Amino acid sequence: MLAQESGEWSQSSALAKQLKLPDEEVASTWWQALQWAQEATTGV
């Protein structure tokens, strides 16, 4: 997630391959986590 967040796309892709995850799934999960964090901190 840190590689995805910091824009290190090649590192993110390499880590996803090691975990046998498609890049699209990593990106989607990162986006969901970002949305959850925003919802969790809204109004705090």
N, C-alpha and C. Protein backbone atom coordinates (compact mmCIF):
# COMPACT_ATOMS: atom_id res chain seq x y z
N MET A 1 0.81 -1.19 0.00
CA MET A 1 0.00 0.00 0.00
C MET A 1 0.86 1.26 0.00
N LEU A 2 1.97 1.23 0.72
CA LEU A 2 2.83 2.41 0.74
C LEU A 2 3.40 2.72 -0.63
N ALA A 3 3.78 1.69 -1.38
CA ALA A 3 4.30 1.90 -2.73
C ALA A 3 3.22 2.49 -3.62
N GLN A 4 2.01 2.00 -3.48
CA GLN A 4 0.87 2.51 -4.26
C GLN A 4 0.62 3.97 -3.90
N GLU A 5 0.61 4.26 -2.62
CA GLU A 5 0.32 5.61 -2.15
C GLU A 5 1.37 6.62 -2.57
N SER A 6 2.62 6.21 -2.61
CA SER A 6 3.69 7.14 -2.95
C SER A 6 3.98 7.20 -4.45
N GLY A 7 3.20 6.47 -5.24
CA GLY A 7 3.35 6.53 -6.69
C GLY A 7 4.48 5.69 -7.23
N GLU A 8 4.96 4.76 -6.45
CA GLU A 8 6.02 3.86 -6.91
C GLU A 8 5.37 2.68 -7.63
N TRP A 9 4.90 2.94 -8.85
CA TRP A 9 4.07 1.97 -9.57
C TRP A 9 4.82 0.68 -9.87
N SER A 10 6.09 0.76 -10.26
CA SER A 10 6.83 -0.46 -10.58
C SER A 10 7.02 -1.31 -9.32
N GLN A 11 7.29 -0.67 -8.19
CA GLN A 11 7.44 -1.39 -6.92
C GLN A 11 6.11 -2.00 -6.51
N SER A 12 5.05 -1.25 -6.66
CA SER A 12 3.71 -1.75 -6.33
C SER A 12 3.37 -2.96 -7.19
N SER A 13 3.66 -2.88 -8.46
CA SER A 13 3.40 -3.99 -9.38
C SER A 13 4.23 -5.22 -9.04
N ALA A 14 5.50 -5.01 -8.69
CA ALA A 14 6.37 -6.13 -8.33
C ALA A 14 5.87 -6.82 -7.05
N LEU A 15 5.46 -6.03 -6.07
CA LEU A 15 4.94 -6.61 -4.84
C LEU A 15 3.63 -7.35 -5.09
N ALA A 16 2.78 -6.80 -5.94
CA ALA A 16 1.52 -7.47 -6.27
C ALA A 16 1.80 -8.82 -6.94
N LYS A 17 2.78 -8.84 -7.83
CA LYS A 17 3.13 -10.11 -8.49
C LYS A 17 3.61 -11.14 -7.47
N GLN A 18 4.42 -10.70 -6.50
CA GLN A 18 4.90 -11.62 -5.47
C GLN A 18 3.73 -12.22 -4.68
N LEU A 19 2.68 -11.44 -4.50
CA LEU A 19 1.51 -11.89 -3.76
C LEU A 19 0.46 -12.55 -4.67
N LYS A 20 0.79 -12.61 -5.96
CA LYS A 20 -0.12 -13.19 -6.96
C LYS A 20 -1.46 -12.46 -7.00
N LEU A 21 -1.35 -11.12 -6.96
CA LEU A 21 -2.53 -10.27 -7.03
C LEU A 21 -2.45 -9.42 -8.30
N PRO A 22 -3.58 -9.24 -8.98
CA PRO A 22 -3.57 -8.35 -10.15
C PRO A 22 -3.38 -6.88 -9.71
N ASP A 23 -2.68 -6.12 -10.51
CA ASP A 23 -2.47 -4.70 -10.21
C ASP A 23 -3.80 -3.98 -9.98
N GLU A 24 -4.81 -4.35 -10.75
CA GLU A 24 -6.12 -3.71 -10.65
C GLU A 24 -6.73 -3.94 -9.26
N GLU A 25 -6.53 -5.12 -8.71
CA GLU A 25 -7.07 -5.42 -7.38
C GLU A 25 -6.36 -4.60 -6.30
N VAL A 26 -5.06 -4.44 -6.45
CA VAL A 26 -4.29 -3.64 -5.50
C VAL A 26 -4.77 -2.19 -5.57
N ALA A 27 -4.92 -1.66 -6.76
CA ALA A 27 -5.37 -0.28 -6.93
C ALA A 27 -6.78 -0.09 -6.37
N SER A 28 -7.65 -1.03 -6.62
CA SER A 28 -9.02 -0.95 -6.13
C SER A 28 -9.07 -1.00 -4.61
N THR A 29 -8.29 -1.89 -4.03
CA THR A 29 -8.25 -2.02 -2.57
C THR A 29 -7.67 -0.76 -1.93
N TRP A 30 -6.64 -0.20 -2.56
CA TRP A 30 -6.06 1.05 -2.06
C TRP A 30 -7.10 2.16 -2.08
N TRP A 31 -7.87 2.26 -3.16
CA TRP A 31 -8.89 3.29 -3.28
C TRP A 31 -9.98 3.09 -2.22
N GLN A 32 -10.40 1.85 -1.99
CA GLN A 32 -11.39 1.57 -0.96
C GLN A 32 -10.88 1.96 0.43
N ALA A 33 -9.62 1.67 0.70
CA ALA A 33 -9.03 2.04 2.00
C ALA A 33 -8.98 3.55 2.17
N LEU A 34 -8.66 4.26 1.10
CA LEU A 34 -8.62 5.71 1.14
C LEU A 34 -10.01 6.27 1.43
N GLN A 35 -11.02 5.74 0.75
CA GLN A 35 -12.39 6.19 0.98
C GLN A 35 -12.83 5.90 2.42
N TRP A 36 -12.50 4.72 2.93
CA TRP A 36 -12.86 4.36 4.30
C TRP A 36 -12.21 5.33 5.28
N ALA A 37 -10.95 5.64 5.07
CA ALA A 37 -10.24 6.55 5.97
C ALA A 37 -10.88 7.93 5.96
N GLN A 38 -11.28 8.40 4.80
CA GLN A 38 -11.93 9.70 4.71
C GLN A 38 -13.27 9.69 5.44
N GLU A 39 -14.03 8.61 5.26
CA GLU A 39 -15.32 8.50 5.94
C GLU A 39 -15.13 8.41 7.46
N ALA A 40 -14.10 7.66 7.89
CA ALA A 40 -13.85 7.47 9.31
C ALA A 40 -13.41 8.74 10.01
N THR A 41 -12.79 9.64 9.26
CA THR A 41 -12.28 10.86 9.87
C THR A 41 -13.13 12.09 9.58
N THR A 42 -14.21 11.93 8.84
CA THR A 42 -15.08 13.05 8.55
C THR A 42 -15.74 13.51 9.85
N GLY A 43 -15.62 14.78 10.12
CA GLY A 43 -16.23 15.34 11.31
C GLY A 43 -15.43 15.16 12.58
N VAL A 44 -14.21 14.63 12.44
CA VAL A 44 -13.39 14.43 13.63
C VAL A 44 -12.55 15.65 13.88
